[in-house]
Amino acid sequence: MSKSLDVVINGRPFRVACEEGEEGALLDAVAYLDRKMNEISESGKLVGTDRIAVMAALNIAHELLTVRTGGLEIGEFKRRINTMKSSLEKAMIEQDELF
């Protein structure tokens, strides 16, 4: 079930929908976006809420994509995970054989 929360981003009030139990995560996201928009606004390089919002969105999207991939291509990341998984499984089998 969803509910509405009233939040303030860059000095402007918004009402946003939120699933039950996700209020904390939403408020964290609001605080993060607000902080990013304020940083851009305070730099004085951009004027206008729309431009500040777009620049904040681009910065956050870039951060997300960088964190998701860790600078690696997704295929390479998956290969590394599978290699680690295989190594762990082999070590567990060898450990079980000791006892």
C-alpha atoms as a PDB file:
ATOM      1  CA  MET A   1       0.000   0.000   0.000  1.00  0.00           C
ATOM      2  CA  SER A   2       1.352   3.413  -0.845  1.00  0.00           C
ATOM      3  CA  LYS A   3       1.022   6.654   1.004  1.00  0.00           C
ATOM      4  CA  SER A   4       2.008  10.255   0.377  1.00  0.00           C
ATOM      5  CA  LEU A   5       4.792  12.158   2.063  1.00  0.00           C
ATOM      6  CA  ASP A   6       5.345  15.905   1.994  1.00  0.00           C
ATOM      7  CA  VAL A   7       8.998  16.766   1.370  1.00  0.00           C
ATOM      8  CA  VAL A   8      11.019  19.862   0.535  1.00  0.00           C
ATOM      9  CA  ILE A   9      13.663  19.803  -2.190  1.00  0.00           C
ATOM     10  CA  ASN A  10      15.706  22.903  -2.924  1.00  0.00           C
ATOM     11  CA  GLY A  11      13.256  24.988  -0.939  1.00  0.00           C
ATOM     12  CA  ARG A  12      10.200  23.782  -2.844  1.00  0.00           C
ATOM     13  CA  PRO A  13       7.499  21.551  -1.341  1.00  0.00           C
ATOM     14  CA  PHE A  14       6.524  18.293  -3.058  1.00  0.00           C
ATOM     15  CA  ARG A  15       4.095  15.506  -2.241  1.00  0.00           C
ATOM     16  CA  VAL A  16       5.466  12.115  -3.296  1.00  0.00           C
ATOM     17  CA  ALA A  17       4.057   8.602  -3.188  1.00  0.00           C
ATOM     18  CA  CYS A  18       5.842   6.036  -1.075  1.00  0.00           C
ATOM     19  CA  GLU A  19       5.277   2.366  -0.245  1.00  0.00           C
ATOM     20  CA  GLU A  20       4.669   1.449   3.393  1.00  0.00           C
ATOM     21  CA  GLY A  21       7.976   0.814   5.146  1.00  0.00           C
ATOM     22  CA  GLU A  22      10.011   2.721   2.547  1.00  0.00           C
ATOM     23  CA  GLU A  23       9.638   6.143   4.140  1.00  0.00           C
ATOM     24  CA  GLY A  24      13.170   6.178   5.542  1.00  0.00           C
ATOM     25  CA  ALA A  25      14.732   5.306   2.191  1.00  0.00           C
ATOM     26  CA  LEU A  26      12.656   7.957   0.458  1.00  0.00           C
ATOM     27  CA  LEU A  27      13.637  10.604   3.012  1.00  0.00           C
ATOM     28  CA  ASP A  28      17.299   9.639   2.577  1.00  0.00           C
ATOM     29  CA  ALA A  29      16.915  10.055  -1.197  1.00  0.00           C
ATOM     30  CA  VAL A  30      15.209  13.420  -0.728  1.00  0.00           C
ATOM     31  CA  ALA A  31      18.005  14.609   1.568  1.00  0.00           C
ATOM     32  CA  TYR A  32      20.650  13.435  -0.919  1.00  0.00           C
ATOM     33  CA  LEU A  33      18.968  15.159  -3.868  1.00  0.00           C
ATOM     34  CA  ASP A  34      18.412  18.314  -1.851  1.00  0.00           C
ATOM     35  CA  ARG A  35      22.079  18.375  -0.847  1.00  0.00           C
ATOM     36  CA  LYS A  36      23.220  17.868  -4.467  1.00  0.00           C
ATOM     37  CA  MET A  37      20.922  20.594  -5.758  1.00  0.00           C
ATOM     38  CA  ASN A  38      22.059  22.993  -3.035  1.00  0.00           C
ATOM     39  CA  GLU A  39      25.722  22.321  -3.876  1.00  0.00           C
ATOM     40  CA  ILE A  40      25.086  23.145  -7.535  1.00  0.00           C
ATOM     41  CA  SER A  41      22.995  26.179  -6.654  1.00  0.00           C
ATOM     42  CA  GLU A  42      25.616  27.532  -4.262  1.00  0.00           C
ATOM     43  CA  SER A  43      28.375  27.144  -6.843  1.00  0.00           C
ATOM     44  CA  GLY A  44      26.664  29.951  -8.776  1.00  0.00           C
ATOM     45  CA  LYS A  45      27.461  28.328 -12.127  1.00  0.00           C
ATOM     46  CA  LEU A  46      23.835  27.545 -12.984  1.00  0.00           C
ATOM     47  CA  VAL A  47      20.690  29.591 -12.613  1.00  0.00           C
ATOM     48  CA  GLY A  48      17.201  28.168 -12.690  1.00  0.00           C
ATOM     49  CA  THR A  49      15.675  25.308 -10.798  1.00  0.00           C
ATOM     50  CA  ASP A  50      15.185  23.211 -13.937  1.00  0.00           C
ATOM     51  CA  ARG A  51      18.841  23.440 -14.920  1.00  0.00           C
ATOM     52  CA  ILE A  52      19.987  22.721 -11.379  1.00  0.00           C
ATOM     53  CA  ALA A  53      17.662  19.691 -11.179  1.00  0.00           C
ATOM     54  CA  VAL A  54      18.899  18.302 -14.496  1.00  0.00           C
ATOM     55  CA  MET A  55      22.546  18.761 -13.513  1.00  0.00           C
ATOM     56  CA  ALA A  56      21.911  17.101 -10.134  1.00  0.00           C
ATOM     57  CA  ALA A  57      20.147  14.216 -11.901  1.00  0.00           C
ATOM     58  CA  LEU A  58      23.088  13.786 -14.287  1.00  0.00           C
ATOM     59  CA  ASN A  59      25.584  13.819 -11.420  1.00  0.00           C
ATOM     60  CA  ILE A  60      23.566  11.260  -9.448  1.00  0.00           C
ATOM     61  CA  ALA A  61      23.103   9.032 -12.528  1.00  0.00           C
ATOM     62  CA  HIS A  62      26.845   9.134 -13.137  1.00  0.00           C
ATOM     63  CA  GLU A  63      27.540   8.204  -9.509  1.00  0.00           C
ATOM     64  CA  LEU A  64      25.071   5.326  -9.710  1.00  0.00           C
ATOM     65  CA  LEU A  65      26.521   3.927 -12.909  1.00  0.00           C
ATOM     66  CA  THR A  66      30.064   4.217 -11.568  1.00  0.00           C
ATOM     67  CA  VAL A  67      29.144   2.436  -8.339  1.00  0.00           C
ATOM     68  CA  ARG A  68      27.191  -0.273 -10.164  1.00  0.00           C
ATOM     69  CA  THR A  69      30.081  -1.184 -12.394  1.00  0.00           C
ATOM     70  CA  GLY A  70      32.986  -0.234 -10.160  1.00  0.00           C
ATOM     71  CA  GLY A  71      34.609   1.019 -13.330  1.00  0.00           C
ATOM     72  CA  LEU A  72      34.286  -2.470 -14.850  1.00  0.00           C
ATOM     73  CA  GLU A  73      32.249  -3.659 -17.754  1.00  0.00           C
ATOM     74  CA  ILE A  74      29.265  -5.640 -16.442  1.00  0.00           C
ATOM     75  CA  GLY A  75      30.320  -8.814 -18.290  1.00  0.00           C
ATOM     76  CA  GLU A  76      33.783  -8.670 -16.721  1.00  0.00           C
ATOM     77  CA  PHE A  77      32.237  -8.020 -13.321  1.00  0.00           C
ATOM     78  CA  LYS A  78      30.016 -11.110 -13.663  1.00  0.00           C
ATOM     79  CA  ARG A  79      32.996 -13.242 -14.754  1.00  0.00           C
ATOM     80  CA  ARG A  80      34.964 -12.144 -11.697  1.00  0.00           C
ATOM     81  CA  ILE A  81      32.055 -12.950  -9.389  1.00  0.00           C
ATOM     82  CA  ASN A  82      31.662 -16.404 -10.964  1.00  0.00           C
ATOM     83  CA  THR A  83      35.397 -17.073 -10.597  1.00  0.00           C
ATOM     84  CA  MET A  84      35.258 -16.111  -6.916  1.00  0.00           C
ATOM     85  CA  LYS A  85      32.174 -18.271  -6.421  1.00  0.00           C
ATOM     86  CA  SER A  86      33.910 -21.270  -8.006  1.00  0.00           C
ATOM     87  CA  SER A  87      36.991 -20.736  -5.852  1.00  0.00           C
ATOM     88  CA  LEU A  88      34.870 -20.577  -2.701  1.00  0.00           C
ATOM     89  CA  GLU A  89      32.930 -23.716  -3.630  1.00  0.00           C
ATOM     90  CA  LYS A  90      36.188 -25.594  -4.285  1.00  0.00           C
ATOM     91  CA  ALA A  91      37.626 -24.426  -0.960  1.00  0.00           C
ATOM     92  CA  MET A  92      34.466 -25.549   0.864  1.00  0.00           C
ATOM     93  CA  ILE A  93      34.655 -29.021  -0.702  1.00  0.00           C
ATOM     94  CA  GLU A  94      38.326 -29.330   0.264  1.00  0.00           C
ATOM     95  CA  GLN A  95      37.491 -28.161   3.786  1.00  0.00           C
ATOM     96  CA  ASP A  96      34.719 -30.765   4.109  1.00  0.00           C
ATOM     97  CA  GLU A  97      37.140 -33.512   3.004  1.00  0.00           C
ATOM     98  CA  LEU A  98      39.457 -32.675   5.909  1.00  0.00           C
ATOM     99  CA  PHE A  99      36.848 -33.687   8.464  1.00  0.00           C
END
